[in-house]
Protein backbone atom coordinates (compact mmCIF):
# COMPACT_ATOMS: atom_id res chain seq x y z
CA UNK A 1 16.67 -2.50 -135.69
CA UNK A 2 13.03 -2.02 -134.70
CA UNK A 3 11.77 -0.51 -131.48
CA UNK A 4 8.43 -0.45 -129.71
CA UNK A 5 7.19 1.54 -126.72
CA UNK A 6 3.95 1.30 -124.77
CA UNK A 7 2.76 2.55 -121.40
CA UNK A 8 0.56 0.23 -119.34
CA UNK A 9 -1.70 1.86 -116.76
CA UNK A 10 -2.95 0.27 -113.54
CA UNK A 11 -5.51 1.26 -110.92
CA UNK A 12 -4.92 -0.96 -107.92
CA UNK A 13 -7.61 -1.64 -105.35
CA UNK A 14 -5.25 -2.08 -102.38
CA UNK A 15 -2.22 -0.29 -101.00
CA UNK A 16 -0.06 -3.38 -101.69
CA UNK A 17 -0.86 -5.61 -104.62
CA UNK A 18 0.95 -7.96 -107.02
CA UNK A 19 -0.34 -8.21 -110.60
CA UNK A 20 0.83 -10.76 -113.16
CA UNK A 21 1.45 -8.62 -116.26
CA UNK A 22 2.99 -11.39 -118.40
CA UNK A 23 -0.08 -11.68 -120.69
CA UNK A 24 -0.06 -7.91 -121.34
CA UNK A 25 3.69 -7.95 -122.07
CA UNK A 26 3.12 -10.86 -124.46
CA UNK A 27 0.45 -8.77 -126.22
CA UNK A 28 2.98 -5.94 -126.55
CA UNK A 29 5.51 -8.35 -128.02
CA UNK A 30 2.95 -9.54 -130.57
CA UNK A 31 2.10 -5.91 -131.47
CA UNK A 32 5.79 -5.05 -131.89
CA UNK A 33 6.45 -7.64 -134.59
CA UNK A 34 9.89 -8.22 -133.07
CA UNK A 35 11.03 -11.84 -133.02
CA UNK A 36 14.62 -11.52 -131.71
CA UNK A 37 15.67 -8.91 -129.17
CA UNK A 38 15.05 -7.66 -125.66
CA UNK A 39 12.04 -6.50 -123.65
CA UNK A 40 12.49 -3.94 -120.89
CA UNK A 41 9.60 -3.62 -118.46
CA UNK A 42 9.93 -0.98 -115.76
CA UNK A 43 7.80 0.72 -113.15
CA UNK A 44 7.47 4.45 -113.77
CA UNK A 45 6.76 5.25 -110.11
CA UNK A 46 9.18 5.25 -107.18
CA UNK A 47 6.81 3.25 -104.95
CA UNK A 48 6.21 0.37 -107.39
CA UNK A 49 8.28 -2.48 -108.77
CA UNK A 50 8.53 -4.87 -111.69
CA UNK A 51 10.07 -8.26 -110.97
CA UNK A 52 10.09 -11.89 -112.12
CA UNK A 53 8.94 -14.79 -109.99
CA UNK A 54 6.49 -17.69 -109.79
CA UNK A 55 2.72 -17.05 -110.02
CA UNK A 56 1.79 -18.93 -106.86
CA UNK A 57 -0.56 -17.41 -104.28
CA UNK A 58 1.32 -18.79 -101.26
CA UNK A 59 4.54 -17.22 -102.51
CA UNK A 60 2.76 -13.90 -103.12
CA UNK A 61 1.50 -13.96 -99.53
CA UNK A 62 5.03 -14.77 -98.32
CA UNK A 63 6.53 -11.90 -100.34
CA UNK A 64 3.99 -9.46 -98.89
CA UNK A 65 4.62 -10.69 -95.32
CA UNK A 66 8.39 -10.55 -95.78
CA UNK A 67 8.32 -7.02 -97.20
CA UNK A 68 6.01 -5.86 -94.41
CA UNK A 69 8.46 -7.22 -91.83
CA UNK A 70 11.39 -5.47 -93.54
CA UNK A 71 9.58 -2.14 -93.91
CA UNK A 72 6.32 -2.02 -91.97
CA UNK A 73 3.75 0.51 -93.14
CA UNK A 74 2.93 1.65 -89.59
CA UNK A 75 3.60 3.43 -87.40
CA UNK A 76 4.05 6.21 -89.93
CA UNK A 77 6.07 8.19 -87.38
CA UNK A 78 8.96 5.71 -87.57
CA UNK A 79 10.06 7.20 -90.93
CA UNK A 80 11.60 10.64 -91.45
CA UNK A 81 10.25 10.72 -95.01
CA UNK A 82 6.64 10.64 -93.82
CA UNK A 83 5.06 14.02 -93.35
CA UNK A 84 3.17 15.18 -96.40
CA UNK A 85 2.78 11.53 -97.48
CA UNK A 86 2.72 8.25 -95.56
CA UNK A 87 4.59 6.08 -98.06
CA UNK A 88 8.17 5.75 -96.82
CA UNK A 89 7.66 2.00 -96.46
CA UNK A 90 6.65 1.80 -100.14
CA UNK A 91 9.90 3.46 -101.22
CA UNK A 92 11.89 0.92 -99.19
CA UNK A 93 9.90 -2.04 -100.53
CA UNK A 94 10.55 -0.88 -104.09
CA UNK A 95 14.27 -0.62 -103.33
CA UNK A 96 14.28 -4.28 -102.31
CA UNK A 97 12.11 -5.57 -105.19
CA UNK A 98 13.75 -3.55 -107.96
CA UNK A 99 12.66 -1.20 -110.71
CA UNK A 100 12.69 -3.30 -113.89
CA UNK A 101 13.28 -6.55 -115.69
CA UNK A 102 14.88 -7.33 -119.03
CA UNK A 103 13.78 -10.49 -120.83
CA UNK A 104 15.28 -11.98 -123.99
CA UNK A 105 12.98 -12.44 -126.99
CA UNK A 106 13.66 -15.59 -128.99
CA UNK A 107 11.56 -16.70 -131.96
CA UNK A 108 8.88 -14.14 -131.05
CA UNK A 109 8.44 -15.35 -127.46
CA UNK A 110 9.60 -14.24 -124.04
CA UNK A 111 12.56 -16.51 -123.29
CA UNK A 112 11.71 -17.53 -119.72
CA UNK A 113 12.95 -20.23 -117.43
CA UNK A 114 10.43 -22.62 -115.88
CA UNK A 115 7.63 -20.87 -113.94
CA UNK A 116 8.95 -17.35 -114.59
CA UNK A 117 6.33 -14.62 -114.91
CA UNK A 118 6.53 -10.81 -114.87
CA UNK A 119 4.82 -8.99 -112.00
CA UNK A 120 3.92 -5.42 -111.22
CA UNK A 121 4.30 -4.84 -107.49
CA UNK A 122 2.35 -1.93 -106.05
CA UNK A 123 3.32 -0.72 -102.57
CA UNK A 124 1.46 2.62 -102.37
CA UNK A 125 -1.67 1.92 -104.36
CA UNK A 126 -5.24 3.03 -104.83
CA UNK A 127 -4.26 5.48 -107.54
CA UNK A 128 -3.33 5.39 -111.22
CA UNK A 129 0.20 4.14 -111.96
CA UNK A 130 2.10 3.15 -115.09
CA UNK A 131 4.65 0.69 -116.41
CA UNK A 132 6.82 1.17 -119.49
CA UNK A 133 7.34 -1.65 -121.99
CA UNK A 134 10.22 -1.05 -124.42
CA UNK A 135 11.14 -3.70 -126.98
CA UNK A 136 14.14 -3.55 -129.31
CA UNK A 137 15.30 -6.04 -131.89
CA UNK A 138 14.54 -7.46 -135.29
């Protein structure tokens, strides 16, 4: 069985941002030479997420609005976690959106359903963050 590991680094321009990382994960799959197996993609920071959904701007806006209603950024004083940092809302948003995805690899391709894409969700941005891509298989 082969394995492949790569860290992807992101510098986001906003506190909250969704980035379609499917093309980069496809590049990793090509580099790996693995044609049958599994791809794990996970956020390596507690205030970020990796998830699968549709790449549609209206949906992205809806996700951001929904998360902001569930865990509003401000007022910072509403959260006991906030003190040294002001990112309690980002921790909660990550808890809702999840840490990672696993996608089957079939015949050298990500085995997606219709419209599925992999996204990096940043909830405490404007600094360097990373995502791990791990691929195992033959």
